Amino acid sequence: MDRKLPCTAIIVSYNHRDTLRKAVLSALENGCEVVVVDNASKDGSPESIMDLPCRIIRNRKNKGFSHACNQGAELAGTPYILFLNPDCVLEKDVVEKMIRVDADAVIPVIYNEDGLESMGLAPSRAGMGFHVLSPGKEVFGGSGACFLIKKDVFISLGGFDEDFFAYYEDLDFFWRFNASGFTARLCPDARVWHRKKKRKNIYFLHRNKWLFILKNWRVFFILANLPFIIFYDFLSLGWAFLKGEGFEALRARRDAFIMGLKVLKKRKPSGIREEYFTWRKPWETG
């Protein structure tokens, strides 16, 4: 695309040399300005894109995905920002299609090598976040892998909570987003390709689920759903032990409650619409 769109793509990289270039090129070809925030990669990721017309921010320390996304958002000089993982590739004209949608945030359809990956993000009553595969036109929110949002909306909500480091930062953000009355819509014609991760960080997945609940849910809502939370928590813990990661999952729970006091200081509990909740198996967490 020759003409520039009023959108900045923010790509956070940590040792993604093998995929980063394709992600940046796809954003440039979609007419975006591009800001790459590198979290102290050791594999030469920034050097692999030095010849491309994008801005590169090199952090000396990896302070997490959330922190780097917020850095990029502050630097964006356009009314729209697109968060794009370094292992994602945009199809042609995706960003233009998303900008045309009348919403505060726009969610694409994400595919991986196995097929459909995500058509949005939703919470469950067990406290976990899941990819939605058959949503309505209006959705709870989008995966941090890729979504478009108005910059002023993102900044007004304080961006991603940096205590989450990585994982659940998107679910936490969209909980606040919905509680504040903003709207997210699916753009079914916008297709994004995402390389499927071979392994996820079990520690942050398990820790941040509890941070998300403690920070955002009303006390009555926690108590009402406590049987589901505990039941699925034991299942997910058992699944972690079966994969040989049980002690990391236990450490995650310990640290979540150690961090609880800090999280409680930021607590502004609220409710969201009933239809946004979904059920999935605990080992299918996205």
C-alpha atoms as a PDB file:
ATOM      1  CA  MET A   1       0.000   0.000   0.000  1.00  0.00           C
ATOM      2  CA  ASP A   2       1.428   3.348  -1.075  1.00  0.00           C
ATOM      3  CA  ARG A   3      -0.717   5.638   1.048  1.00  0.00           C
ATOM      4  CA  LYS A   4      -0.244   5.894   4.785  1.00  0.00           C
ATOM      5  CA  LEU A   5      -3.038   5.065   7.192  1.00  0.00           C
ATOM      6  CA  PRO A   6      -3.593   6.907  10.506  1.00  0.00           C
ATOM      7  CA  CYS A   7      -2.310   3.904  12.427  1.00  0.00           C
ATOM      8  CA  THR A   8       0.896   2.885  14.211  1.00  0.00           C
ATOM      9  CA  ALA A   9       1.703  -0.800  14.524  1.00  0.00           C
ATOM     10  CA  ILE A  10       3.418  -1.642  17.814  1.00  0.00           C
ATOM     11  CA  ILE A  11       5.474  -4.817  17.733  1.00  0.00           C
ATOM     12  CA  VAL A  12       7.175  -6.075  20.890  1.00  0.00           C
ATOM     13  CA  SER A  13      10.044  -8.451  20.260  1.00  0.00           C
ATOM     14  CA  TYR A  14      12.020 -10.745  22.533  1.00  0.00           C
ATOM     15  CA  ASN A  15      14.309 -13.111  20.619  1.00  0.00           C
ATOM     16  CA  HIS A  16      12.069 -13.247  17.538  1.00  0.00           C
ATOM     17  CA  ARG A  17      14.675 -12.813  14.819  1.00  0.00           C
ATOM     18  CA  ASP A  18      13.177 -15.636  12.738  1.00  0.00           C
ATOM     19  CA  THR A  19       9.711 -14.027  12.466  1.00  0.00           C
ATOM     20  CA  LEU A  20      10.120 -10.301  13.249  1.00  0.00           C
ATOM     21  CA  ARG A  21      10.988  -9.142   9.739  1.00  0.00           C
ATOM     22  CA  LYS A  22       7.846 -10.660   8.202  1.00  0.00           C
ATOM     23  CA  ALA A  23       5.672  -9.042  10.866  1.00  0.00           C
ATOM     24  CA  VAL A  24       7.209  -5.587  10.269  1.00  0.00           C
ATOM     25  CA  LEU A  25       6.945  -5.907   6.487  1.00  0.00           C
ATOM     26  CA  SER A  26       3.275  -6.905   6.694  1.00  0.00           C
ATOM     27  CA  ALA A  27       2.509  -3.827   8.827  1.00  0.00           C
ATOM     28  CA  LEU A  28       4.423  -1.533   6.451  1.00  0.00           C
ATOM     29  CA  GLU A  29       2.637  -3.041   3.461  1.00  0.00           C
ATOM     30  CA  ASN A  30      -0.664  -2.296   5.208  1.00  0.00           C
ATOM     31  CA  GLY A  31       0.242   1.408   5.342  1.00  0.00           C
ATOM     32  CA  CYS A  32       1.135   1.615   9.027  1.00  0.00           C
ATOM     33  CA  GLU A  33       3.885   3.466  10.760  1.00  0.00           C
ATOM     34  CA  VAL A  34       5.816   0.873  12.755  1.00  0.00           C
ATOM     35  CA  VAL A  35       7.373   1.031  16.205  1.00  0.00           C
ATOM     36  CA  VAL A  36       9.342  -2.025  17.296  1.00  0.00           C
ATOM     37  CA  VAL A  37      10.127  -2.268  21.013  1.00  0.00           C
ATOM     38  CA  ASP A  38      12.838  -4.843  21.648  1.00  0.00           C
ATOM     39  CA  ASN A  39      13.024  -6.313  25.143  1.00  0.00           C
ATOM     40  CA  ALA A  40      16.774  -6.934  25.336  1.00  0.00           C
ATOM     41  CA  SER A  41      16.858  -9.705  22.737  1.00  0.00           C
ATOM     42  CA  LYS A  42      20.010 -11.788  22.591  1.00  0.00           C
ATOM     43  CA  ASP A  43      19.494 -13.172  19.063  1.00  0.00           C
ATOM     44  CA  GLY A  44      20.084 -10.016  17.039  1.00  0.00           C
ATOM     45  CA  SER A  45      16.400  -9.311  16.414  1.00  0.00           C
ATOM     46  CA  PRO A  46      16.816  -5.509  16.076  1.00  0.00           C
ATOM     47  CA  GLU A  47      19.710  -5.901  13.630  1.00  0.00           C
ATOM     48  CA  SER A  48      17.519  -7.999  11.338  1.00  0.00           C
ATOM     49  CA  ILE A  49      15.239  -5.021  10.597  1.00  0.00           C
ATOM     50  CA  MET A  50      17.703  -2.108  10.630  1.00  0.00           C
ATOM     51  CA  ASP A  51      17.199  -1.597   6.879  1.00  0.00           C
ATOM     52  CA  LEU A  52      13.404  -1.215   7.195  1.00  0.00           C
ATOM     53  CA  PRO A  53      11.627   2.160   7.655  1.00  0.00           C
ATOM     54  CA  CYS A  54      10.535   1.634  11.241  1.00  0.00           C
ATOM     55  CA  ARG A  55      11.405   3.070  14.633  1.00  0.00           C
ATOM     56  CA  ILE A  56      13.302   0.690  16.918  1.00  0.00           C
ATOM     57  CA  ILE A  57      13.347   1.093  20.704  1.00  0.00           C
ATOM     58  CA  ARG A  58      15.972  -1.080  22.399  1.00  0.00           C
ATOM     59  CA  ASN A  59      15.361  -1.764  26.077  1.00  0.00           C
ATOM     60  CA  ARG A  60      18.371  -2.731  28.153  1.00  0.00           C
ATOM     61  CA  LYS A  61      16.223  -5.005  30.306  1.00  0.00           C
ATOM     62  CA  ASN A  62      13.162  -7.130  29.629  1.00  0.00           C
ATOM     63  CA  LYS A  63      10.475  -5.466  31.735  1.00  0.00           C
ATOM     64  CA  GLY A  64       7.716  -7.465  30.096  1.00  0.00           C
ATOM     65  CA  PHE A  65       5.308  -7.407  27.191  1.00  0.00           C
ATOM     66  CA  SER A  66       2.905  -5.021  28.944  1.00  0.00           C
ATOM     67  CA  HIS A  67       5.581  -2.414  29.677  1.00  0.00           C
ATOM     68  CA  ALA A  68       6.914  -2.518  26.105  1.00  0.00           C
ATOM     69  CA  CYS A  69       3.427  -2.163  24.602  1.00  0.00           C
ATOM     70  CA  ASN A  70       2.813   0.900  26.754  1.00  0.00           C
ATOM     71  CA  GLN A  71       6.141   2.362  25.617  1.00  0.00           C
ATOM     72  CA  GLY A  72       5.136   1.945  21.991  1.00  0.00           C
ATOM     73  CA  ALA A  73       1.657   3.398  22.546  1.00  0.00           C
ATOM     74  CA  GLU A  74       3.102   6.561  24.089  1.00  0.00           C
ATOM     75  CA  LEU A  75       5.316   7.059  21.018  1.00  0.00           C
ATOM     76  CA  ALA A  76       2.532   6.558  18.478  1.00  0.00           C
ATOM     77  CA  GLY A  77       1.669   9.751  16.620  1.00  0.00           C
ATOM     78  CA  THR A  78      -1.535   8.453  15.039  1.00  0.00           C
ATOM     79  CA  PRO A  79      -5.151   8.195  16.263  1.00  0.00           C
ATOM     80  CA  TYR A  80      -5.130   4.392  15.929  1.00  0.00           C
ATOM     81  CA  ILE A  81      -2.674   1.837  17.257  1.00  0.00           C
ATOM     82  CA  LEU A  82      -2.370  -1.781  16.218  1.00  0.00           C
ATOM     83  CA  PHE A  83      -0.789  -4.256  18.599  1.00  0.00           C
ATOM     84  CA  LEU A  84       0.893  -6.989  16.594  1.00  0.00           C
ATOM     85  CA  ASN A  85       2.922  -9.929  17.856  1.00  0.00           C
ATOM     86  CA  PRO A  86       6.315 -10.461  16.177  1.00  0.00           C
ATOM     87  CA  ASP A  87       5.179 -13.918  15.050  1.00  0.00           C
ATOM     88  CA  CYS A  88       2.058 -12.587  13.294  1.00  0.00           C
ATOM     89  CA  VAL A  89       1.597 -11.578   9.659  1.00  0.00           C
ATOM     90  CA  LEU A  90      -1.191  -9.319   8.399  1.00  0.00           C
ATOM     91  CA  GLU A  91      -2.956 -10.089   5.155  1.00  0.00           C
ATOM     92  CA  LYS A  92      -3.364  -7.337   2.565  1.00  0.00           C
ATOM     93  CA  ASP A  93      -5.583  -4.342   3.501  1.00  0.00           C
ATOM     94  CA  VAL A  94      -6.342  -5.742   6.972  1.00  0.00           C
ATOM     95  CA  VAL A  95      -5.716  -2.466   8.799  1.00  0.00           C
ATOM     96  CA  GLU A  96      -7.798  -0.409   6.362  1.00  0.00           C
ATOM     97  CA  LYS A  97     -10.726  -2.824   6.847  1.00  0.00           C
ATOM     98  CA  MET A  98     -10.417  -2.600  10.630  1.00  0.00           C
ATOM     99  CA  ILE A  99     -10.295   1.201  10.677  1.00  0.00           C
ATOM    100  CA  ARG A 100     -13.598   1.287   8.775  1.00  0.00           C
ATOM    101  CA  VAL A 101     -15.394  -0.551  11.602  1.00  0.00           C
ATOM    102  CA  ASP A 102     -17.322   1.759  13.921  1.00  0.00           C
ATOM    103  CA  ALA A 103     -15.934   0.730  17.320  1.00  0.00           C
ATOM    104  CA  ASP A 104     -13.415   1.758  19.961  1.00  0.00           C
ATOM    105  CA  ALA A 105     -11.434  -1.456  19.400  1.00  0.00           C
ATOM    106  CA  VAL A 106     -11.521  -3.813  16.428  1.00  0.00           C
ATOM    107  CA  ILE A 107     -10.667  -7.498  16.536  1.00  0.00           C
ATOM    108  CA  PRO A 108      -9.382  -9.491  13.530  1.00  0.00           C
ATOM    109  CA  VAL A 109      -9.796 -13.188  12.813  1.00  0.00           C
ATOM    110  CA  ILE A 110      -6.553 -14.951  13.740  1.00  0.00           C
ATOM    111  CA  TYR A 111      -5.427 -18.215  12.164  1.00  0.00           C
ATOM    112  CA  ASN A 112      -2.496 -20.494  12.886  1.00  0.00           C
ATOM    113  CA  GLU A 113      -1.147 -23.559  11.095  1.00  0.00           C
ATOM    114  CA  ASP A 114      -3.907 -25.710  12.648  1.00  0.00           C
ATOM    115  CA  GLY A 115      -6.708 -23.422  11.446  1.00  0.00           C
ATOM    116  CA  LEU A 116      -8.846 -20.882  13.288  1.00  0.00           C
ATOM    117  CA  GLU A 117      -7.192 -19.607  16.474  1.00  0.00           C
ATOM    118  CA  SER A 118      -9.235 -16.651  17.668  1.00  0.00           C
ATOM    119  CA  MET A 119     -12.172 -14.398  16.867  1.00  0.00           C
ATOM    120  CA  GLY A 120     -11.904 -12.518  20.115  1.00  0.00           C
ATOM    121  CA  LEU A 121     -11.168 -12.957  23.785  1.00  0.00           C
ATOM    122  CA  ALA A 122     -13.531 -13.725  26.669  1.00  0.00           C
ATOM    123  CA  PRO A 123     -13.357 -14.504  30.397  1.00  0.00           C
ATOM    124  CA  SER A 124     -14.840 -17.592  32.027  1.00  0.00           C
ATOM    125  CA  ARG A 125     -16.472 -17.935  35.425  1.00  0.00           C
ATOM    126  CA  ALA A 126     -13.417 -19.926  36.482  1.00  0.00           C
ATOM    127  CA  GLY A 127     -11.293 -16.805  36.021  1.00  0.00           C
ATOM    128  CA  MET A 128      -9.433 -17.918  32.901  1.00  0.00           C
ATOM    129  CA  GLY A 129      -9.300 -16.171  29.537  1.00  0.00           C
ATOM    130  CA  PHE A 130     -10.094 -18.002  26.318  1.00  0.00           C
ATOM    131  CA  HIS A 131     -10.089 -17.426  22.602  1.00  0.00           C
ATOM    132  CA  VAL A 132     -13.629 -17.168  21.239  1.00  0.00           C
ATOM    133  CA  LEU A 133     -14.240 -19.130  18.045  1.00  0.00           C
ATOM    134  CA  SER A 134     -17.853 -18.220  17.261  1.00  0.00           C
ATOM    135  CA  PRO A 135     -18.692 -14.753  18.625  1.00  0.00           C
ATOM    136  CA  GLY A 136     -21.313 -12.256  17.660  1.00  0.00           C
ATOM    137  CA  LYS A 137     -20.387  -9.019  15.919  1.00  0.00           C
ATOM    138  CA  GLU A 138     -19.735  -7.316  19.270  1.00  0.00           C
ATOM    139  CA  VAL A 139     -17.104  -9.035  21.405  1.00  0.00           C
ATOM    140  CA  PHE A 140     -15.575  -8.694  24.861  1.00  0.00           C
ATOM    141  CA  GLY A 141     -12.112  -7.964  23.503  1.00  0.00           C
ATOM    142  CA  GLY A 142      -9.165  -9.234  21.538  1.00  0.00           C
ATOM    143  CA  SER A 143      -6.040 -11.273  21.986  1.00  0.00           C
ATOM    144  CA  GLY A 144      -2.863  -9.313  22.632  1.00  0.00           C
ATOM    145  CA  ALA A 145      -1.489 -11.035  19.521  1.00  0.00           C
ATOM    146  CA  CYS A 146      -3.344  -8.520  17.358  1.00  0.00           C
ATOM    147  CA  PHE A 147      -6.042  -5.898  17.786  1.00  0.00           C
ATOM    148  CA  LEU A 148      -6.688  -2.312  16.717  1.00  0.00           C
ATOM    149  CA  ILE A 149      -7.695   0.383  19.196  1.00  0.00           C
ATOM    150  CA  LYS A 150      -8.098   4.142  19.315  1.00  0.00           C
ATOM    151  CA  LYS A 151      -5.009   5.548  20.973  1.00  0.00           C
ATOM    152  CA  ASP A 152      -6.918   7.960  23.205  1.00  0.00           C
ATOM    153  CA  VAL A 153      -9.035   5.080  24.543  1.00  0.00           C
ATOM    154  CA  PHE A 154      -5.974   2.952  25.316  1.00  0.00           C
ATOM    155  CA  ILE A 155      -4.168   5.821  27.060  1.00  0.00           C
ATOM    156  CA  SER A 156      -7.281   6.925  28.987  1.00  0.00           C
ATOM    157  CA  LEU A 157      -7.540   3.447  30.529  1.00  0.00           C
ATOM    158  CA  GLY A 158      -3.890   3.465  31.589  1.00  0.00           C
ATOM    159  CA  GLY A 159      -2.757   0.965  28.981  1.00  0.00           C
ATOM    160  CA  PHE A 160      -1.788  -2.556  29.974  1.00  0.00           C
ATOM    161  CA  ASP A 161      -1.177  -3.203  33.675  1.00  0.00           C
ATOM    162  CA  GLU A 162       2.572  -3.755  33.882  1.00  0.00           C
ATOM    163  CA  ASP A 163       2.257  -5.973  36.976  1.00  0.00           C
ATOM    164  CA  PHE A 164       1.004  -8.688  34.620  1.00  0.00           C
ATOM    165  CA  PHE A 165       4.345  -8.707  32.730  1.00  0.00           C
ATOM    166  CA  ALA A 166       2.949 -11.081  30.077  1.00  0.00           C
ATOM    167  CA  TYR A 167      -0.302 -13.085  29.717  1.00  0.00           C
ATOM    168  CA  TYR A 168      -3.712 -11.898  30.940  1.00  0.00           C
ATOM    169  CA  GLU A 169      -2.721  -8.272  30.349  1.00  0.00           C
ATOM    170  CA  ASP A 170      -5.212  -8.280  27.452  1.00  0.00           C
ATOM    171  CA  LEU A 171      -8.035  -9.818  29.536  1.00  0.00           C
ATOM    172  CA  ASP A 172      -7.394  -7.335  32.357  1.00  0.00           C
ATOM    173  CA  PHE A 173      -7.347  -4.418  29.920  1.00  0.00           C
ATOM    174  CA  PHE A 174     -10.568  -5.393  28.172  1.00  0.00           C
ATOM    175  CA  TRP A 175     -12.318  -5.909  31.503  1.00  0.00           C
ATOM    176  CA  ARG A 176     -11.601  -2.249  32.296  1.00  0.00           C
ATOM    177  CA  PHE A 177     -12.458  -1.328  28.692  1.00  0.00           C
ATOM    178  CA  ASN A 178     -15.925  -2.892  28.928  1.00  0.00           C
ATOM    179  CA  ALA A 179     -16.568  -1.607  32.441  1.00  0.00           C
ATOM    180  CA  SER A 180     -15.889   1.912  31.118  1.00  0.00           C
ATOM    181  CA  GLY A 181     -18.557   1.553  28.420  1.00  0.00           C
ATOM    182  CA  PHE A 182     -16.328   1.138  25.354  1.00  0.00           C
ATOM    183  CA  THR A 183     -17.202  -1.213  22.502  1.00  0.00           C
ATOM    184  CA  ALA A 184     -15.140  -3.838  20.670  1.00  0.00           C
ATOM    185  CA  ARG A 185     -16.288  -5.359  17.393  1.00  0.00           C
ATOM    186  CA  LEU A 186     -15.100  -8.220  15.238  1.00  0.00           C
ATOM    187  CA  CYS A 187     -13.976  -7.488  11.672  1.00  0.00           C
ATOM    188  CA  PRO A 188     -14.557 -10.876   9.959  1.00  0.00           C
ATOM    189  CA  ASP A 189     -12.799  -9.773   6.758  1.00  0.00           C
ATOM    190  CA  ALA A 190      -9.537  -8.973   8.589  1.00  0.00           C
ATOM    191  CA  ARG A 191      -7.304 -12.044   8.607  1.00  0.00           C
ATOM    192  CA  VAL A 192      -4.059 -12.422  10.553  1.00  0.00           C
ATOM    193  CA  TRP A 193      -1.698 -15.403  10.586  1.00  0.00           C
ATOM    194  CA  HIS A 194      -0.049 -16.370  13.864  1.00  0.00           C
ATOM    195  CA  ARG A 195       2.726 -18.918  14.317  1.00  0.00           C
ATOM    196  CA  LYS A 196       1.512 -21.304  16.993  1.00  0.00           C
ATOM    197  CA  LYS A 197       3.614 -21.254  20.153  1.00  0.00           C
ATOM    198  CA  LYS A 198       5.179 -24.584  21.053  1.00  0.00           C
ATOM    199  CA  ARG A 199       5.300 -23.754  24.761  1.00  0.00           C
ATOM    200  CA  LYS A 200       3.666 -21.126  26.952  1.00  0.00           C
ATOM    201  CA  ASN A 201       5.003 -19.714  30.191  1.00  0.00           C
ATOM    202  CA  ILE A 202       3.096 -21.717  32.802  1.00  0.00           C
ATOM    203  CA  TYR A 203       4.225 -19.433  35.628  1.00  0.00           C
ATOM    204  CA  PHE A 204       2.689 -16.233  34.248  1.00  0.00           C
ATOM    205  CA  LEU A 205      -0.436 -18.016  33.016  1.00  0.00           C
ATOM    206  CA  HIS A 206      -1.217 -19.387  36.464  1.00  0.00           C
ATOM    207  CA  ARG A 207      -0.071 -16.374  38.483  1.00  0.00           C
ATOM    208  CA  ASN A 208      -1.864 -13.794  36.382  1.00  0.00           C
ATOM    209  CA  LYS A 209      -5.196 -15.594  36.450  1.00  0.00           C
ATOM    210  CA  TRP A 210      -5.316 -14.968  40.193  1.00  0.00           C
ATOM    211  CA  LEU A 211      -4.113 -11.370  39.814  1.00  0.00           C
ATOM    212  CA  PHE A 212      -6.900 -10.798  37.289  1.00  0.00           C
ATOM    213  CA  ILE A 213      -9.558 -12.137  39.675  1.00  0.00           C
ATOM    214  CA  LEU A 214      -8.262 -10.303  42.739  1.00  0.00           C
ATOM    215  CA  LYS A 215      -7.989  -7.005  40.898  1.00  0.00           C
ATOM    216  CA  ASN A 216     -11.222  -6.922  38.892  1.00  0.00           C
ATOM    217  CA  TRP A 217     -13.952  -9.108  40.344  1.00  0.00           C
ATOM    218  CA  ARG A 218     -16.454  -7.958  42.921  1.00  0.00           C
ATOM    219  CA  VAL A 219     -16.344  -9.871  46.227  1.00  0.00           C
ATOM    220  CA  PHE A 220     -19.857 -11.224  45.725  1.00  0.00           C
ATOM    221  CA  PHE A 221     -18.985 -12.387  42.213  1.00  0.00           C
ATOM    222  CA  ILE A 222     -15.856 -14.168  43.491  1.00  0.00           C
ATOM    223  CA  LEU A 223     -17.850 -15.910  46.217  1.00  0.00           C
ATOM    224  CA  ALA A 224     -20.636 -16.876  43.813  1.00  0.00           C
ATOM    225  CA  ASN A 225     -18.157 -18.458  41.418  1.00  0.00           C
ATOM    226  CA  LEU A 226     -15.710 -19.821  43.996  1.00  0.00           C
ATOM    227  CA  PRO A 227     -16.686 -23.489  43.413  1.00  0.00           C
ATOM    228  CA  PHE A 228     -15.931 -23.110  39.692  1.00  0.00           C
ATOM    229  CA  ILE A 229     -12.704 -21.210  40.364  1.00  0.00           C
ATOM    230  CA  ILE A 230     -11.388 -23.818  42.808  1.00  0.00           C
ATOM    231  CA  PHE A 231     -12.526 -26.820  40.759  1.00  0.00           C
ATOM    232  CA  TYR A 232     -10.895 -25.608  37.559  1.00  0.00           C
ATOM    233  CA  ASP A 233      -7.841 -24.411  39.441  1.00  0.00           C
ATOM    234  CA  PHE A 234      -7.237 -27.940  40.750  1.00  0.00           C
ATOM    235  CA  LEU A 235      -7.744 -29.322  37.248  1.00  0.00           C
ATOM    236  CA  SER A 236      -5.285 -26.864  35.708  1.00  0.00           C
ATOM    237  CA  LEU A 237      -2.798 -27.540  38.516  1.00  0.00           C
ATOM    238  CA  GLY A 238      -3.096 -31.267  37.905  1.00  0.00           C
ATOM    239  CA  TRP A 239      -2.588 -30.696  34.184  1.00  0.00           C
ATOM    240  CA  ALA A 240       0.566 -28.717  34.969  1.00  0.00           C
ATOM    241  CA  PHE A 241       1.945 -31.598  37.056  1.00  0.00           C
ATOM    242  CA  LEU A 242       1.199 -34.025  34.216  1.00  0.00           C
ATOM    243  CA  LYS A 243       3.324 -31.815  31.948  1.00  0.00           C
ATOM    244  CA  GLY A 244       6.145 -31.697  34.498  1.00  0.00           C
ATOM    245  CA  GLU A 245       5.498 -28.027  35.391  1.00  0.00           C
ATOM    246  CA  GLY A 246       3.587 -28.458  38.630  1.00  0.00           C
ATOM    247  CA  PHE A 247       6.115 -26.760  40.918  1.00  0.00           C
ATOM    248  CA  GLU A 248       6.185 -23.696  38.655  1.00  0.00           C
ATOM    249  CA  ALA A 249       2.381 -23.590  38.866  1.00  0.00           C
ATOM    250  CA  LEU A 250       2.530 -23.793  42.670  1.00  0.00           C
ATOM    251  CA  ARG A 251       5.132 -21.008  42.797  1.00  0.00           C
ATOM    252  CA  ALA A 252       2.843 -18.929  40.594  1.00  0.00           C
ATOM    253  CA  ARG A 253      -0.010 -19.225  43.076  1.00  0.00           C
ATOM    254  CA  ARG A 254       2.250 -18.343  46.002  1.00  0.00           C
ATOM    255  CA  ASP A 255       3.529 -15.250  44.215  1.00  0.00           C
ATOM    256  CA  ALA A 256       0.025 -14.201  43.169  1.00  0.00           C
ATOM    257  CA  PHE A 257      -1.051 -13.958  46.782  1.00  0.00           C
ATOM    258  CA  ILE A 258       2.204 -12.257  47.798  1.00  0.00           C
ATOM    259  CA  MET A 259       1.435  -9.658  45.110  1.00  0.00           C
ATOM    260  CA  GLY A 260      -2.175  -9.531  46.243  1.00  0.00           C
ATOM    261  CA  LEU A 261      -1.728  -6.515  48.513  1.00  0.00           C
ATOM    262  CA  LYS A 262      -0.198  -4.484  45.674  1.00  0.00           C
ATOM    263  CA  VAL A 263      -2.986  -5.498  43.316  1.00  0.00           C
ATOM    264  CA  LEU A 264      -5.689  -4.730  45.877  1.00  0.00           C
ATOM    265  CA  LYS A 265      -4.493  -1.117  46.017  1.00  0.00           C
ATOM    266  CA  LYS A 266      -5.430  -0.788  42.332  1.00  0.00           C
ATOM    267  CA  ARG A 267      -8.722  -2.597  42.799  1.00  0.00           C
ATOM    268  CA  LYS A 268     -11.729  -1.029  41.088  1.00  0.00           C
ATOM    269  CA  PRO A 269     -14.019  -4.043  40.866  1.00  0.00           C
ATOM    270  CA  SER A 270     -16.792  -3.970  38.283  1.00  0.00           C
ATOM    271  CA  GLY A 271     -19.134  -6.237  36.386  1.00  0.00           C
ATOM    272  CA  ILE A 272     -19.503  -6.934  32.676  1.00  0.00           C
ATOM    273  CA  ARG A 273     -22.315  -8.206  30.501  1.00  0.00           C
ATOM    274  CA  GLU A 274     -23.355 -11.819  31.146  1.00  0.00           C
ATOM    275  CA  GLU A 275     -23.138 -12.906  27.494  1.00  0.00           C
ATOM    276  CA  TYR A 276     -19.405 -12.230  27.388  1.00  0.00           C
ATOM    277  CA  PHE A 277     -18.589 -15.184  29.644  1.00  0.00           C
ATOM    278  CA  THR A 278     -17.534 -18.450  28.043  1.00  0.00           C
ATOM    279  CA  TRP A 279     -16.718 -22.019  29.094  1.00  0.00           C
ATOM    280  CA  ARG A 280     -13.672 -23.945  27.907  1.00  0.00           C
ATOM    281  CA  LYS A 281     -11.543 -26.716  29.356  1.00  0.00           C
ATOM    282  CA  PRO A 282      -8.751 -25.417  31.657  1.00  0.00           C
ATOM    283  CA  TRP A 283      -6.018 -26.968  29.512  1.00  0.00           C
ATOM    284  CA  GLU A 284      -7.276 -25.068  26.462  1.00  0.00           C
ATOM    285  CA  THR A 285      -6.410 -21.720  27.954  1.00  0.00           C
ATOM    286  CA  GLY A 286      -5.381 -19.084  25.402  1.00  0.00           C
END
